[in-house]
Amino acid sequence: MPGCGIRVTNLSLHARERHVREFFAFSGEIVDVQLLPRQPPQTKQSAIIIFTDTCAVEPAVVLSGAVIV
């Protein structure tokens, strides 16, 4: 059963699931990454990342503001 999920916002439209998964992989084991559908005219996208362990959330939050793609 998944431990915890976080919502990542302000992602480039060029970011794909694999980019998000690779970027946050060091935080902990990822169960799922879901890119959320954007509604035009939005110029950014969001994602939900589900980690197996709640301990993975803290390192993931430290990455706030970092550039993925």
C-alpha atoms as a PDB file:
ATOM      1  CA  MET A   1       0.000   0.000   0.000  1.00  0.00           C
ATOM      2  CA  PRO A   2       1.388   3.458  -0.921  1.00  0.00           C
ATOM      3  CA  GLY A   3       2.882   5.507   1.876  1.00  0.00           C
ATOM      4  CA  CYS A   4       2.323   9.069   0.729  1.00  0.00           C
ATOM      5  CA  GLY A   5       1.715  11.247  -2.282  1.00  0.00           C
ATOM      6  CA  ILE A   6       2.846  14.731  -3.182  1.00  0.00           C
ATOM      7  CA  ARG A   7       1.644  17.150  -5.820  1.00  0.00           C
ATOM      8  CA  VAL A   8       4.305  18.779  -7.974  1.00  0.00           C
ATOM      9  CA  THR A   9       3.307  21.987  -9.753  1.00  0.00           C
ATOM     10  CA  ASN A  10       4.809  24.411 -12.249  1.00  0.00           C
ATOM     11  CA  LEU A  11       6.278  21.655 -14.431  1.00  0.00           C
ATOM     12  CA  SER A  12       7.368  22.467 -17.943  1.00  0.00           C
ATOM     13  CA  LEU A  13       5.078  21.161 -20.666  1.00  0.00           C
ATOM     14  CA  HIS A  14       8.166  19.329 -21.948  1.00  0.00           C
ATOM     15  CA  ALA A  15       8.402  17.246 -18.755  1.00  0.00           C
ATOM     16  CA  ARG A  16       7.284  13.649 -19.182  1.00  0.00           C
ATOM     17  CA  GLU A  17       6.593  10.932 -16.636  1.00  0.00           C
ATOM     18  CA  ARG A  18      10.102   9.514 -16.976  1.00  0.00           C
ATOM     19  CA  HIS A  19      11.660  12.950 -16.293  1.00  0.00           C
ATOM     20  CA  VAL A  20       9.653  13.360 -13.100  1.00  0.00           C
ATOM     21  CA  ARG A  21      10.331   9.767 -12.019  1.00  0.00           C
ATOM     22  CA  GLU A  22      14.102  10.097 -12.625  1.00  0.00           C
ATOM     23  CA  PHE A  23      14.283  13.476 -10.887  1.00  0.00           C
ATOM     24  CA  PHE A  24      12.544  12.308  -7.700  1.00  0.00           C
ATOM     25  CA  ALA A  25      13.965   8.764  -7.639  1.00  0.00           C
ATOM     26  CA  PHE A  26      16.664   9.610  -5.094  1.00  0.00           C
ATOM     27  CA  SER A  27      13.947  10.676  -2.618  1.00  0.00           C
ATOM     28  CA  GLY A  28      12.663   7.130  -2.294  1.00  0.00           C
ATOM     29  CA  GLU A  29      10.915   4.303  -4.091  1.00  0.00           C
ATOM     30  CA  ILE A  30       8.172   5.619  -6.357  1.00  0.00           C
ATOM     31  CA  VAL A  31       4.966   3.650  -6.794  1.00  0.00           C
ATOM     32  CA  ASP A  32       3.371   5.878  -9.427  1.00  0.00           C
ATOM     33  CA  VAL A  33       3.715   9.172 -11.271  1.00  0.00           C
ATOM     34  CA  GLN A  34       0.645  10.749 -12.815  1.00  0.00           C
ATOM     35  CA  LEU A  35       0.877  13.810 -15.006  1.00  0.00           C
ATOM     36  CA  LEU A  36      -2.349  15.724 -14.538  1.00  0.00           C
ATOM     37  CA  PRO A  37      -4.242  16.933 -17.600  1.00  0.00           C
ATOM     38  CA  ARG A  38      -3.778  20.620 -18.189  1.00  0.00           C
ATOM     39  CA  GLN A  39      -6.490  22.962 -19.299  1.00  0.00           C
ATOM     40  CA  PRO A  40      -5.544  25.466 -22.016  1.00  0.00           C
ATOM     41  CA  PRO A  41      -4.343  28.198 -21.771  1.00  0.00           C
ATOM     42  CA  GLN A  42      -2.178  26.813 -18.922  1.00  0.00           C
ATOM     43  CA  THR A  43       1.509  26.971 -19.769  1.00  0.00           C
ATOM     44  CA  LYS A  44       2.621  24.607 -16.982  1.00  0.00           C
ATOM     45  CA  GLN A  45       1.539  21.175 -15.797  1.00  0.00           C
ATOM     46  CA  SER A  46       1.273  19.328 -12.490  1.00  0.00           C
ATOM     47  CA  ALA A  47       1.942  15.773 -11.362  1.00  0.00           C
ATOM     48  CA  ILE A  48       1.127  13.485  -8.456  1.00  0.00           C
ATOM     49  CA  ILE A  49       3.966  11.292  -7.174  1.00  0.00           C
ATOM     50  CA  ILE A  50       3.171   8.355  -4.904  1.00  0.00           C
ATOM     51  CA  PHE A  51       6.035   7.033  -2.762  1.00  0.00           C
ATOM     52  CA  THR A  52       6.099   3.686  -0.959  1.00  0.00           C
ATOM     53  CA  ASP A  53       7.294   5.338   2.257  1.00  0.00           C
ATOM     54  CA  THR A  54       6.264   8.600   3.915  1.00  0.00           C
ATOM     55  CA  CYS A  55       9.956   9.255   4.659  1.00  0.00           C
ATOM     56  CA  ALA A  56      10.474   9.980   0.942  1.00  0.00           C
ATOM     57  CA  VAL A  57       8.371  13.124   1.106  1.00  0.00           C
ATOM     58  CA  GLU A  58      10.860  15.256   3.031  1.00  0.00           C
ATOM     59  CA  PRO A  59      13.741  14.873   0.520  1.00  0.00           C
ATOM     60  CA  ALA A  60      11.273  15.445  -2.325  1.00  0.00           C
ATOM     61  CA  VAL A  61      10.081  18.733  -0.798  1.00  0.00           C
ATOM     62  CA  VAL A  62      13.694  19.930  -0.544  1.00  0.00           C
ATOM     63  CA  LEU A  63      13.727  19.924  -4.352  1.00  0.00           C
ATOM     64  CA  SER A  64      11.049  22.635  -4.454  1.00  0.00           C
ATOM     65  CA  GLY A  65      11.947  25.196  -7.083  1.00  0.00           C
ATOM     66  CA  ALA A  66      14.472  22.983  -8.878  1.00  0.00           C
ATOM     67  CA  VAL A  67      14.391  22.667 -12.675  1.00  0.00           C
ATOM     68  CA  ILE A  68      13.502  19.231 -14.042  1.00  0.00           C
ATOM     69  CA  VAL A  69      13.534  19.858 -17.798  1.00  0.00           C
END
